[in-house]
Amino acid sequence: IISGLYSVGKILIVASGGAYLEMRGLLNDSSQKSISTVVSQLFIPCLLFSNISSVINFEKLLDLWPLPIFAITYMFIGFISSLFIAKSYSLIIKSMLFIQKKFKKSNYNQINNENESHNN
């Protein structure tokens, strides 16, 4: 429990510092975006690597070798299925647009024909 409170306490201190800087007007949108990019692209991966490297040794690494293969396999399956879904979705969208254009054109002609008949 104490280690969990310690971790959450660190996050609360950093978040309250950011909230204070925001209230004082020292952080604008572009600086917040830059800080967010640095945190997500650099600091979080470094934190994960340091936490994992302290617990994993070579024997555990040998035991866990299938995990990257499973991850790559699932990503490949997801990629292939997304290609099929995107292709079928684009066909549906194209057919919907075709139908929509035909209806618009027919309604436009019908309205024009009605206006011409009323003018005569």
C-alpha atoms as a PDB file:
ATOM      1  CA  ILE A   1       0.000   0.000   0.000  1.00  0.00           C
ATOM      2  CA  ILE A   2       2.794   2.402   0.842  1.00  0.00           C
ATOM      3  CA  SER A   3       4.544   1.880  -2.502  1.00  0.00           C
ATOM      4  CA  GLY A   4       1.260   2.560  -4.323  1.00  0.00           C
ATOM      5  CA  LEU A   5       0.724   5.755  -2.350  1.00  0.00           C
ATOM      6  CA  TYR A   6       4.311   6.750  -3.074  1.00  0.00           C
ATOM      7  CA  SER A   7       3.793   6.302  -6.823  1.00  0.00           C
ATOM      8  CA  VAL A   8       0.480   8.147  -6.832  1.00  0.00           C
ATOM      9  CA  GLY A   9       1.994  10.901  -4.685  1.00  0.00           C
ATOM     10  CA  LYS A  10       4.704  11.524  -7.258  1.00  0.00           C
ATOM     11  CA  ILE A  11       2.122  11.835 -10.013  1.00  0.00           C
ATOM     12  CA  LEU A  12      -0.026  14.186  -7.939  1.00  0.00           C
ATOM     13  CA  ILE A  13       2.955  16.446  -7.214  1.00  0.00           C
ATOM     14  CA  VAL A  14       3.858  16.689 -10.905  1.00  0.00           C
ATOM     15  CA  ALA A  15       0.215  17.208 -11.932  1.00  0.00           C
ATOM     16  CA  SER A  16      -0.310  19.912  -9.323  1.00  0.00           C
ATOM     17  CA  GLY A  17       2.836  21.655 -10.565  1.00  0.00           C
ATOM     18  CA  GLY A  18       1.426  21.627 -14.092  1.00  0.00           C
ATOM     19  CA  ALA A  19      -1.950  22.898 -12.869  1.00  0.00           C
ATOM     20  CA  TYR A  20      -0.210  25.732 -11.000  1.00  0.00           C
ATOM     21  CA  LEU A  21       1.770  26.737 -14.105  1.00  0.00           C
ATOM     22  CA  GLU A  22      -1.436  26.626 -16.165  1.00  0.00           C
ATOM     23  CA  MET A  23      -3.289  28.847 -13.692  1.00  0.00           C
ATOM     24  CA  ARG A  24      -0.433  31.355 -13.750  1.00  0.00           C
ATOM     25  CA  GLY A  25      -0.601  31.437 -17.549  1.00  0.00           C
ATOM     26  CA  LEU A  26       2.927  30.129 -18.064  1.00  0.00           C
ATOM     27  CA  LEU A  27       1.849  27.160 -20.204  1.00  0.00           C
ATOM     28  CA  ASN A  28       0.180  27.956 -23.510  1.00  0.00           C
ATOM     29  CA  ASP A  29      -1.229  25.376 -25.931  1.00  0.00           C
ATOM     30  CA  SER A  30       1.948  24.952 -27.966  1.00  0.00           C
ATOM     31  CA  SER A  31       4.136  24.439 -24.890  1.00  0.00           C
ATOM     32  CA  GLN A  32       1.657  21.920 -23.465  1.00  0.00           C
ATOM     33  CA  LYS A  33       1.726  20.039 -26.764  1.00  0.00           C
ATOM     34  CA  SER A  34       5.544  20.050 -26.789  1.00  0.00           C
ATOM     35  CA  ILE A  35       5.742  18.827 -23.202  1.00  0.00           C
ATOM     36  CA  SER A  36       3.163  16.128 -23.930  1.00  0.00           C
ATOM     37  CA  THR A  37       5.156  14.954 -26.954  1.00  0.00           C
ATOM     38  CA  VAL A  38       8.409  14.771 -24.984  1.00  0.00           C
ATOM     39  CA  VAL A  39       6.730  12.895 -22.149  1.00  0.00           C
ATOM     40  CA  SER A  40       4.979  10.378 -24.373  1.00  0.00           C
ATOM     41  CA  GLN A  41       7.867   9.849 -26.792  1.00  0.00           C
ATOM     42  CA  LEU A  42      10.830   9.908 -24.395  1.00  0.00           C
ATOM     43  CA  PHE A  43      10.101   9.834 -20.679  1.00  0.00           C
ATOM     44  CA  ILE A  44       7.425   7.124 -20.541  1.00  0.00           C
ATOM     45  CA  PRO A  45       9.406   4.640 -22.690  1.00  0.00           C
ATOM     46  CA  CYS A  46      12.499   5.309 -20.570  1.00  0.00           C
ATOM     47  CA  LEU A  47      10.493   4.744 -17.390  1.00  0.00           C
ATOM     48  CA  LEU A  48       9.061   1.490 -18.728  1.00  0.00           C
ATOM     49  CA  PHE A  49      12.477   0.264 -19.831  1.00  0.00           C
ATOM     50  CA  SER A  50      14.080   1.058 -16.478  1.00  0.00           C
ATOM     51  CA  ASN A  51      11.271  -0.641 -14.539  1.00  0.00           C
ATOM     52  CA  ILE A  52      11.272  -3.747 -16.732  1.00  0.00           C
ATOM     53  CA  SER A  53      15.046  -4.064 -16.953  1.00  0.00           C
ATOM     54  CA  SER A  54      15.341  -4.132 -13.169  1.00  0.00           C
ATOM     55  CA  VAL A  55      13.023  -7.157 -12.919  1.00  0.00           C
ATOM     56  CA  ILE A  56      13.830  -9.239 -16.005  1.00  0.00           C
ATOM     57  CA  ASN A  57      16.942 -11.332 -16.304  1.00  0.00           C
ATOM     58  CA  PHE A  58      18.204 -13.466 -19.187  1.00  0.00           C
ATOM     59  CA  GLU A  59      16.363 -16.631 -18.065  1.00  0.00           C
ATOM     60  CA  LYS A  60      13.016 -14.826 -17.885  1.00  0.00           C
ATOM     61  CA  LEU A  61      13.730 -13.346 -21.283  1.00  0.00           C
ATOM     62  CA  LEU A  62      14.253 -16.821 -22.707  1.00  0.00           C
ATOM     63  CA  ASP A  63      10.976 -17.978 -21.137  1.00  0.00           C
ATOM     64  CA  LEU A  64       9.065 -15.055 -22.655  1.00  0.00           C
ATOM     65  CA  TRP A  65      10.354 -15.327 -26.240  1.00  0.00           C
ATOM     66  CA  PRO A  66       6.912 -16.248 -27.707  1.00  0.00           C
ATOM     67  CA  LEU A  67       5.340 -12.958 -26.596  1.00  0.00           C
ATOM     68  CA  PRO A  68       6.877 -10.773 -29.336  1.00  0.00           C
ATOM     69  CA  ILE A  69       5.973 -13.388 -31.948  1.00  0.00           C
ATOM     70  CA  PHE A  70       2.354 -13.416 -30.744  1.00  0.00           C
ATOM     71  CA  ALA A  71       2.261  -9.621 -30.773  1.00  0.00           C
ATOM     72  CA  ILE A  72       3.620  -9.428 -34.322  1.00  0.00           C
ATOM     73  CA  THR A  73       1.194 -12.149 -35.458  1.00  0.00           C
ATOM     74  CA  TYR A  74      -1.797 -10.308 -33.974  1.00  0.00           C
ATOM     75  CA  MET A  75      -0.662  -7.027 -35.542  1.00  0.00           C
ATOM     76  CA  PHE A  76      -0.336  -8.733 -38.926  1.00  0.00           C
ATOM     77  CA  ILE A  77      -3.803 -10.301 -38.622  1.00  0.00           C
ATOM     78  CA  GLY A  78      -5.237  -6.916 -37.620  1.00  0.00           C
ATOM     79  CA  PHE A  79      -3.539  -5.205 -40.541  1.00  0.00           C
ATOM     80  CA  ILE A  80      -4.798  -7.736 -43.087  1.00  0.00           C
ATOM     81  CA  SER A  81      -8.342  -7.663 -41.701  1.00  0.00           C
ATOM     82  CA  SER A  82      -8.302  -3.842 -41.718  1.00  0.00           C
ATOM     83  CA  LEU A  83      -7.380  -3.912 -45.416  1.00  0.00           C
ATOM     84  CA  PHE A  84     -10.378  -6.120 -46.190  1.00  0.00           C
ATOM     85  CA  ILE A  85     -12.694  -4.001 -44.055  1.00  0.00           C
ATOM     86  CA  ALA A  86     -11.408  -0.769 -45.601  1.00  0.00           C
ATOM     87  CA  LYS A  87     -11.867  -2.161 -49.095  1.00  0.00           C
ATOM     88  CA  SER A  88     -15.432  -3.267 -48.416  1.00  0.00           C
ATOM     89  CA  TYR A  89     -16.165   0.018 -46.623  1.00  0.00           C
ATOM     90  CA  SER A  90     -14.897   2.068 -49.550  1.00  0.00           C
ATOM     91  CA  LEU A  91     -17.090   0.050 -51.917  1.00  0.00           C
ATOM     92  CA  ILE A  92     -20.092   0.733 -49.710  1.00  0.00           C
ATOM     93  CA  ILE A  93     -19.243   4.442 -49.581  1.00  0.00           C
ATOM     94  CA  LYS A  94     -18.766   4.600 -53.364  1.00  0.00           C
ATOM     95  CA  SER A  95     -22.107   2.934 -53.988  1.00  0.00           C
ATOM     96  CA  MET A  96     -23.812   5.236 -51.484  1.00  0.00           C
ATOM     97  CA  LEU A  97     -22.316   8.295 -53.170  1.00  0.00           C
ATOM     98  CA  PHE A  98     -23.387   7.005 -56.587  1.00  0.00           C
ATOM     99  CA  ILE A  99     -26.951   6.477 -55.376  1.00  0.00           C
ATOM    100  CA  GLN A 100     -26.963   9.867 -53.672  1.00  0.00           C
ATOM    101  CA  LYS A 101     -25.817  11.598 -56.857  1.00  0.00           C
ATOM    102  CA  LYS A 102     -28.490   9.829 -58.889  1.00  0.00           C
ATOM    103  CA  PHE A 103     -31.217  10.841 -56.447  1.00  0.00           C
ATOM    104  CA  LYS A 104     -30.031  14.433 -56.361  1.00  0.00           C
ATOM    105  CA  LYS A 105     -29.931  14.578 -60.125  1.00  0.00           C
ATOM    106  CA  SER A 106     -33.364  13.054 -60.542  1.00  0.00           C
ATOM    107  CA  ASN A 107     -34.896  15.362 -57.926  1.00  0.00           C
ATOM    108  CA  TYR A 108     -33.272  18.379 -59.530  1.00  0.00           C
ATOM    109  CA  ASN A 109     -34.642  17.470 -62.955  1.00  0.00           C
ATOM    110  CA  GLN A 110     -38.051  16.776 -61.507  1.00  0.00           C
ATOM    111  CA  ILE A 111     -38.125  20.169 -59.783  1.00  0.00           C
ATOM    112  CA  ASN A 112     -37.012  21.920 -62.968  1.00  0.00           C
ATOM    113  CA  ASN A 113     -39.675  20.129 -65.007  1.00  0.00           C
ATOM    114  CA  GLU A 114     -42.357  21.140 -62.493  1.00  0.00           C
ATOM    115  CA  ASN A 115     -41.168  24.773 -62.587  1.00  0.00           C
ATOM    116  CA  GLU A 116     -41.235  24.802 -66.383  1.00  0.00           C
ATOM    117  CA  SER A 117     -44.754  23.386 -66.461  1.00  0.00           C
ATOM    118  CA  HIS A 118     -45.947  26.052 -64.014  1.00  0.00           C
ATOM    119  CA  ASN A 119     -44.344  28.828 -66.051  1.00  0.00           C
ATOM    120  CA  ASN A 120     -46.139  27.796 -69.244  1.00  0.00           C
END
